[in-house]
């Protein structure tokens, strides 16, 4: 099954996320988890996107916050959009299964079997 991947902070190769834990109640989930397109961006790029959203898309504010020029802000945004667009160019292999489930065409059990 092809899932979204995060990158290893050491060697920068793709990592498969297989465990999630709640530090409050101790619940552990194991499986293969997809990472959102925004979650696949570097921490620096995520901070840039968050700042852009917090300031309602103001390029002028981005220039001030990051001490960069207008063309640099535009180029950075263009690069982020290209990376995000590349993620959406191919649908997730599970999207058809989830759509069939949402339409009531298959049961949850059938959806889980098809995703394995």
N, C-alpha and C. Protein backbone atom coordinates (compact mmCIF):
# COMPACT_ATOMS: atom_id res chain seq x y z
N UNK A 1 0.85 -1.18 0.00
CA UNK A 1 0.00 0.00 0.00
C UNK A 1 0.89 1.23 0.00
N UNK A 2 0.63 2.16 -0.92
CA UNK A 2 1.41 3.38 -1.02
C UNK A 2 0.82 4.44 -0.11
N UNK A 3 1.58 4.88 0.88
CA UNK A 3 1.08 5.91 1.78
C UNK A 3 2.00 7.10 1.74
N UNK A 4 1.51 8.21 2.25
CA UNK A 4 2.33 9.41 2.32
C UNK A 4 3.47 9.16 3.28
N UNK A 5 4.58 9.81 3.01
CA UNK A 5 5.77 9.56 3.81
C UNK A 5 6.32 10.86 4.38
N UNK A 6 6.97 10.73 5.52
CA UNK A 6 7.73 11.83 6.11
C UNK A 6 9.19 11.53 5.83
N UNK A 7 10.05 12.52 5.98
CA UNK A 7 11.47 12.31 5.71
C UNK A 7 12.25 12.13 7.00
N UNK A 8 13.24 11.26 6.95
CA UNK A 8 14.13 11.02 8.08
C UNK A 8 14.96 12.28 8.32
N UNK A 9 15.01 12.75 9.56
CA UNK A 9 15.80 13.95 9.84
C UNK A 9 17.31 13.72 9.71
N UNK A 10 17.73 12.47 9.72
CA UNK A 10 19.15 12.16 9.61
C UNK A 10 19.59 12.00 8.15
N UNK A 11 18.97 11.08 7.42
CA UNK A 11 19.41 10.79 6.05
C UNK A 11 18.49 11.40 4.99
N UNK A 12 17.36 11.98 5.43
CA UNK A 12 16.38 12.63 4.55
C UNK A 12 15.68 11.69 3.58
N UNK A 13 15.74 10.40 3.85
CA UNK A 13 15.00 9.44 3.03
C UNK A 13 13.59 9.30 3.60
N UNK A 14 12.64 8.82 2.78
CA UNK A 14 11.26 8.69 3.26
C UNK A 14 11.14 7.71 4.42
N UNK A 15 10.29 8.08 5.38
CA UNK A 15 9.98 7.23 6.52
C UNK A 15 8.49 6.90 6.45
N UNK A 16 8.13 5.72 6.89
CA UNK A 16 6.73 5.34 6.99
C UNK A 16 6.33 5.51 8.45
N UNK A 17 5.26 6.27 8.68
CA UNK A 17 4.77 6.47 10.04
C UNK A 17 3.87 5.30 10.40
N UNK A 18 4.20 4.61 11.51
CA UNK A 18 3.46 3.40 11.86
C UNK A 18 2.89 3.41 13.27
N UNK A 19 3.16 4.45 14.05
CA UNK A 19 2.67 4.46 15.43
C UNK A 19 2.32 5.88 15.85
N UNK A 20 1.20 6.00 16.55
CA UNK A 20 0.78 7.27 17.13
C UNK A 20 0.39 7.01 18.58
N UNK A 21 0.81 7.89 19.46
CA UNK A 21 0.54 7.70 20.88
C UNK A 21 0.00 8.98 21.51
N UNK A 22 -0.94 8.81 22.44
CA UNK A 22 -1.45 9.93 23.21
C UNK A 22 -0.70 9.97 24.53
N UNK A 23 -0.01 11.06 24.80
CA UNK A 23 0.76 11.15 26.04
C UNK A 23 -0.12 11.37 27.25
N UNK A 24 -1.36 11.84 27.03
CA UNK A 24 -2.28 12.06 28.15
C UNK A 24 -2.85 10.76 28.70
N UNK A 25 -3.45 9.94 27.83
CA UNK A 25 -4.14 8.73 28.32
C UNK A 25 -3.37 7.44 28.03
N UNK A 26 -2.29 7.53 27.25
CA UNK A 26 -1.49 6.35 26.98
C UNK A 26 -1.97 5.48 25.84
N UNK A 27 -3.00 5.93 25.12
CA UNK A 27 -3.51 5.16 23.99
C UNK A 27 -2.46 5.11 22.88
N UNK A 28 -2.23 3.90 22.34
CA UNK A 28 -1.30 3.73 21.23
C UNK A 28 -2.06 3.19 20.03
N UNK A 29 -1.80 3.76 18.86
CA UNK A 29 -2.37 3.26 17.61
C UNK A 29 -1.22 2.82 16.73
N UNK A 30 -1.36 1.65 16.13
CA UNK A 30 -0.35 1.16 15.22
C UNK A 30 -0.98 0.87 13.88
N UNK A 31 -0.25 1.18 12.82
CA UNK A 31 -0.73 0.98 11.46
C UNK A 31 0.12 1.82 10.53
N UNK A 32 -0.41 2.14 9.38
CA UNK A 32 0.30 3.02 8.46
C UNK A 32 -0.53 4.28 8.32
N UNK A 33 0.05 5.42 8.71
CA UNK A 33 -0.68 6.67 8.76
C UNK A 33 -0.24 7.61 7.65
N UNK A 34 -1.20 8.28 7.04
CA UNK A 34 -0.89 9.25 6.01
C UNK A 34 -0.55 10.58 6.66
N UNK A 35 0.38 11.28 6.07
CA UNK A 35 0.77 12.61 6.52
C UNK A 35 0.11 13.61 5.58
N UNK A 36 -0.47 14.66 6.14
CA UNK A 36 -1.13 15.66 5.30
C UNK A 36 -0.10 16.35 4.41
N UNK A 37 -0.53 16.88 3.28
CA UNK A 37 0.41 17.59 2.40
C UNK A 37 1.17 18.71 3.12
N UNK A 38 0.50 19.44 3.99
CA UNK A 38 1.19 20.50 4.73
C UNK A 38 2.19 19.91 5.72
N UNK A 39 1.86 18.75 6.27
CA UNK A 39 2.75 18.09 7.21
C UNK A 39 4.02 17.56 6.57
N UNK A 40 4.02 17.42 5.25
CA UNK A 40 5.20 16.95 4.53
C UNK A 40 6.19 18.07 4.24
N UNK A 41 5.73 19.31 4.42
CA UNK A 41 6.64 20.44 4.20
C UNK A 41 7.66 20.50 5.33
N UNK A 42 8.79 21.13 5.07
CA UNK A 42 9.79 21.32 6.12
C UNK A 42 9.19 22.21 7.21
N UNK A 43 9.78 22.15 8.40
CA UNK A 43 9.29 22.97 9.51
C UNK A 43 9.35 24.45 9.14
N UNK A 44 10.39 24.85 8.45
CA UNK A 44 10.54 26.25 8.03
C UNK A 44 9.41 26.65 7.07
N UNK A 45 9.10 25.78 6.12
CA UNK A 45 8.02 26.07 5.17
C UNK A 45 6.66 26.08 5.86
N UNK A 46 6.47 25.20 6.84
CA UNK A 46 5.22 25.20 7.59
C UNK A 46 5.05 26.51 8.36
N UNK A 47 6.13 27.00 8.94
CA UNK A 47 6.07 28.28 9.66
C UNK A 47 5.74 29.42 8.71
N UNK A 48 6.27 29.37 7.50
CA UNK A 48 6.00 30.40 6.51
C UNK A 48 4.51 30.39 6.15
N UNK A 49 3.96 29.20 5.91
CA UNK A 49 2.53 29.07 5.57
C UNK A 49 1.66 29.58 6.73
N UNK A 50 2.00 29.20 7.95
CA UNK A 50 1.23 29.63 9.12
C UNK A 50 1.26 31.15 9.25
N UNK A 51 2.44 31.74 9.10
CA UNK A 51 2.56 33.21 9.17
C UNK A 51 1.72 33.86 8.08
N UNK A 52 1.76 33.31 6.87
CA UNK A 52 1.00 33.86 5.75
C UNK A 52 -0.50 33.83 6.06
N UNK A 53 -0.97 32.72 6.61
CA UNK A 53 -2.39 32.60 6.96
C UNK A 53 -2.77 33.53 8.12
N UNK A 54 -1.92 33.59 9.13
CA UNK A 54 -2.21 34.45 10.28
C UNK A 54 -2.32 35.91 9.90
N UNK A 55 -1.60 36.30 8.87
CA UNK A 55 -1.61 37.70 8.43
C UNK A 55 -2.46 37.89 7.19
N UNK A 56 -3.43 36.96 7.02
CA UNK A 56 -4.45 37.07 5.97
C UNK A 56 -3.86 37.27 4.58
N UNK A 57 -2.74 36.61 4.31
CA UNK A 57 -2.16 36.66 2.97
C UNK A 57 -1.46 37.97 2.64
N UNK A 58 -1.09 38.73 3.63
CA UNK A 58 -0.43 40.01 3.37
C UNK A 58 1.04 39.81 3.01
N UNK A 59 1.36 40.06 1.77
CA UNK A 59 2.75 39.93 1.33
C UNK A 59 3.61 40.98 2.02
N UNK A 60 3.06 42.17 2.21
CA UNK A 60 3.80 43.24 2.90
C UNK A 60 4.21 42.79 4.31
N UNK A 61 3.28 42.14 5.02
CA UNK A 61 3.59 41.66 6.37
C UNK A 61 4.65 40.56 6.32
N UNK A 62 4.58 39.71 5.30
CA UNK A 62 5.58 38.65 5.16
C UNK A 62 6.96 39.26 4.92
N UNK A 63 7.02 40.33 4.13
CA UNK A 63 8.29 41.02 3.89
C UNK A 63 8.87 41.49 5.22
N UNK A 64 8.02 42.07 6.06
CA UNK A 64 8.47 42.58 7.36
C UNK A 64 8.90 41.45 8.29
N UNK A 65 8.06 40.43 8.41
CA UNK A 65 8.33 39.34 9.34
C UNK A 65 9.62 38.59 9.02
N UNK A 66 9.82 38.30 7.74
CA UNK A 66 10.96 37.47 7.34
C UNK A 66 12.12 38.29 6.79
N UNK A 67 11.95 39.62 6.76
CA UNK A 67 13.00 40.51 6.27
C UNK A 67 13.46 40.09 4.87
N UNK A 68 12.46 39.89 3.99
CA UNK A 68 12.75 39.49 2.62
C UNK A 68 11.97 40.40 1.67
N UNK A 69 12.37 40.42 0.41
CA UNK A 69 11.74 41.29 -0.58
C UNK A 69 10.44 40.70 -1.11
N UNK A 70 9.66 41.56 -1.76
CA UNK A 70 8.42 41.14 -2.39
C UNK A 70 8.64 39.98 -3.36
N UNK A 71 9.62 40.09 -4.29
CA UNK A 71 9.84 38.96 -5.20
C UNK A 71 10.22 37.66 -4.48
N UNK A 72 10.93 37.78 -3.37
CA UNK A 72 11.31 36.58 -2.62
C UNK A 72 10.09 35.93 -1.99
N UNK A 73 9.19 36.76 -1.44
CA UNK A 73 7.95 36.22 -0.88
C UNK A 73 7.16 35.51 -1.98
N UNK A 74 6.99 36.16 -3.13
CA UNK A 74 6.24 35.56 -4.23
C UNK A 74 6.88 34.26 -4.71
N UNK A 75 8.21 34.24 -4.84
CA UNK A 75 8.90 33.02 -5.28
C UNK A 75 8.74 31.90 -4.26
N UNK A 76 8.81 32.25 -2.99
CA UNK A 76 8.65 31.23 -1.94
C UNK A 76 7.24 30.66 -1.97
N UNK A 77 6.25 31.53 -2.11
CA UNK A 77 4.86 31.06 -2.20
C UNK A 77 4.65 30.19 -3.43
N UNK A 78 5.23 30.61 -4.55
CA UNK A 78 5.11 29.84 -5.80
C UNK A 78 5.71 28.44 -5.62
N UNK A 79 6.87 28.37 -4.97
CA UNK A 79 7.50 27.07 -4.71
C UNK A 79 6.66 26.18 -3.81
N UNK A 80 6.06 26.79 -2.78
CA UNK A 80 5.19 26.01 -1.88
C UNK A 80 3.97 25.48 -2.63
N UNK A 81 3.38 26.33 -3.45
CA UNK A 81 2.21 25.90 -4.22
C UNK A 81 2.58 24.76 -5.16
N UNK A 82 3.73 24.85 -5.81
CA UNK A 82 4.16 23.77 -6.71
C UNK A 82 4.34 22.46 -5.97
N UNK A 83 4.95 22.52 -4.77
CA UNK A 83 5.13 21.28 -3.98
C UNK A 83 3.79 20.71 -3.54
N UNK A 84 2.89 21.58 -3.11
CA UNK A 84 1.57 21.11 -2.68
C UNK A 84 0.77 20.58 -3.86
N UNK A 85 0.83 21.25 -5.00
CA UNK A 85 0.12 20.79 -6.20
C UNK A 85 0.60 19.42 -6.63
N UNK A 86 1.89 19.14 -6.49
CA UNK A 86 2.42 17.85 -6.92
C UNK A 86 1.83 16.71 -6.09
N UNK A 87 1.48 16.99 -4.84
CA UNK A 87 0.87 15.99 -3.97
C UNK A 87 -0.53 15.65 -4.46
N UNK A 88 -1.25 16.66 -4.95
CA UNK A 88 -2.63 16.46 -5.34
C UNK A 88 -2.79 16.00 -6.78
N UNK A 89 -1.69 15.89 -7.53
CA UNK A 89 -1.81 15.50 -8.93
C UNK A 89 -2.24 14.05 -9.09
N UNK A 90 -1.90 13.21 -8.15
CA UNK A 90 -2.31 11.80 -8.21
C UNK A 90 -3.17 11.50 -6.99
N UNK A 91 -4.36 10.96 -7.18
CA UNK A 91 -5.22 10.66 -6.03
C UNK A 91 -4.64 9.55 -5.16
N UNK A 92 -4.96 9.61 -3.91
CA UNK A 92 -4.54 8.57 -2.98
C UNK A 92 -5.16 7.25 -3.41
N UNK A 93 -4.43 6.14 -3.28
CA UNK A 93 -5.00 4.86 -3.66
C UNK A 93 -6.24 4.52 -2.84
N UNK A 94 -6.36 5.12 -1.68
CA UNK A 94 -7.51 4.84 -0.82
C UNK A 94 -8.70 5.76 -1.09
N UNK A 95 -8.53 6.79 -1.92
CA UNK A 95 -9.61 7.76 -2.10
C UNK A 95 -10.86 7.12 -2.72
N UNK A 96 -10.70 6.22 -3.67
CA UNK A 96 -11.86 5.57 -4.29
C UNK A 96 -12.59 4.71 -3.26
N UNK A 97 -11.83 4.05 -2.41
CA UNK A 97 -12.43 3.22 -1.36
C UNK A 97 -13.21 4.09 -0.38
N UNK A 98 -12.62 5.20 0.02
CA UNK A 98 -13.28 6.09 0.97
C UNK A 98 -14.52 6.74 0.37
N UNK A 99 -14.47 7.06 -0.92
CA UNK A 99 -15.64 7.62 -1.59
C UNK A 99 -16.77 6.59 -1.64
N UNK A 100 -16.44 5.33 -1.96
CA UNK A 100 -17.46 4.28 -1.99
C UNK A 100 -18.07 4.09 -0.60
N UNK A 101 -17.24 4.18 0.43
CA UNK A 101 -17.72 4.07 1.80
C UNK A 101 -18.65 5.23 2.14
N UNK A 102 -18.26 6.45 1.76
CA UNK A 102 -19.09 7.62 2.08
C UNK A 102 -20.44 7.58 1.37
N UNK A 103 -20.49 6.93 0.21
CA UNK A 103 -21.75 6.80 -0.52
C UNK A 103 -22.59 5.62 -0.03
N UNK A 104 -22.04 4.84 0.91
CA UNK A 104 -22.77 3.70 1.44
C UNK A 104 -22.72 2.48 0.54
N UNK A 105 -21.83 2.46 -0.43
CA UNK A 105 -21.74 1.34 -1.37
C UNK A 105 -21.02 0.14 -0.77
N UNK A 106 -20.18 0.40 0.22
CA UNK A 106 -19.46 -0.69 0.91
C UNK A 106 -19.53 -0.43 2.41
N UNK A 107 -19.28 -1.47 3.20
CA UNK A 107 -19.28 -1.34 4.65
C UNK A 107 -17.88 -0.93 5.12
N UNK A 108 -17.80 -0.55 6.38
CA UNK A 108 -16.51 -0.21 6.96
C UNK A 108 -15.56 -1.40 6.89
N UNK A 109 -16.08 -2.58 7.16
CA UNK A 109 -15.25 -3.80 7.13
C UNK A 109 -14.69 -4.02 5.73
N UNK A 110 -15.55 -3.83 4.71
CA UNK A 110 -15.09 -4.01 3.31
C UNK A 110 -14.02 -2.96 2.98
N UNK A 111 -14.22 -1.75 3.45
CA UNK A 111 -13.25 -0.68 3.18
C UNK A 111 -11.90 -1.04 3.82
N UNK A 112 -11.93 -1.51 5.06
CA UNK A 112 -10.68 -1.88 5.75
C UNK A 112 -9.98 -3.03 5.05
N UNK A 113 -10.75 -4.01 4.57
CA UNK A 113 -10.14 -5.13 3.85
C UNK A 113 -9.46 -4.66 2.56
N UNK A 114 -10.12 -3.76 1.84
CA UNK A 114 -9.56 -3.27 0.58
C UNK A 114 -8.33 -2.41 0.80
N UNK A 115 -8.21 -1.77 1.94
CA UNK A 115 -7.06 -0.89 2.21
C UNK A 115 -5.84 -1.68 2.66
N UNK A 116 -6.01 -2.90 3.09
CA UNK A 116 -4.87 -3.67 3.60
C UNK A 116 -3.97 -4.17 2.51
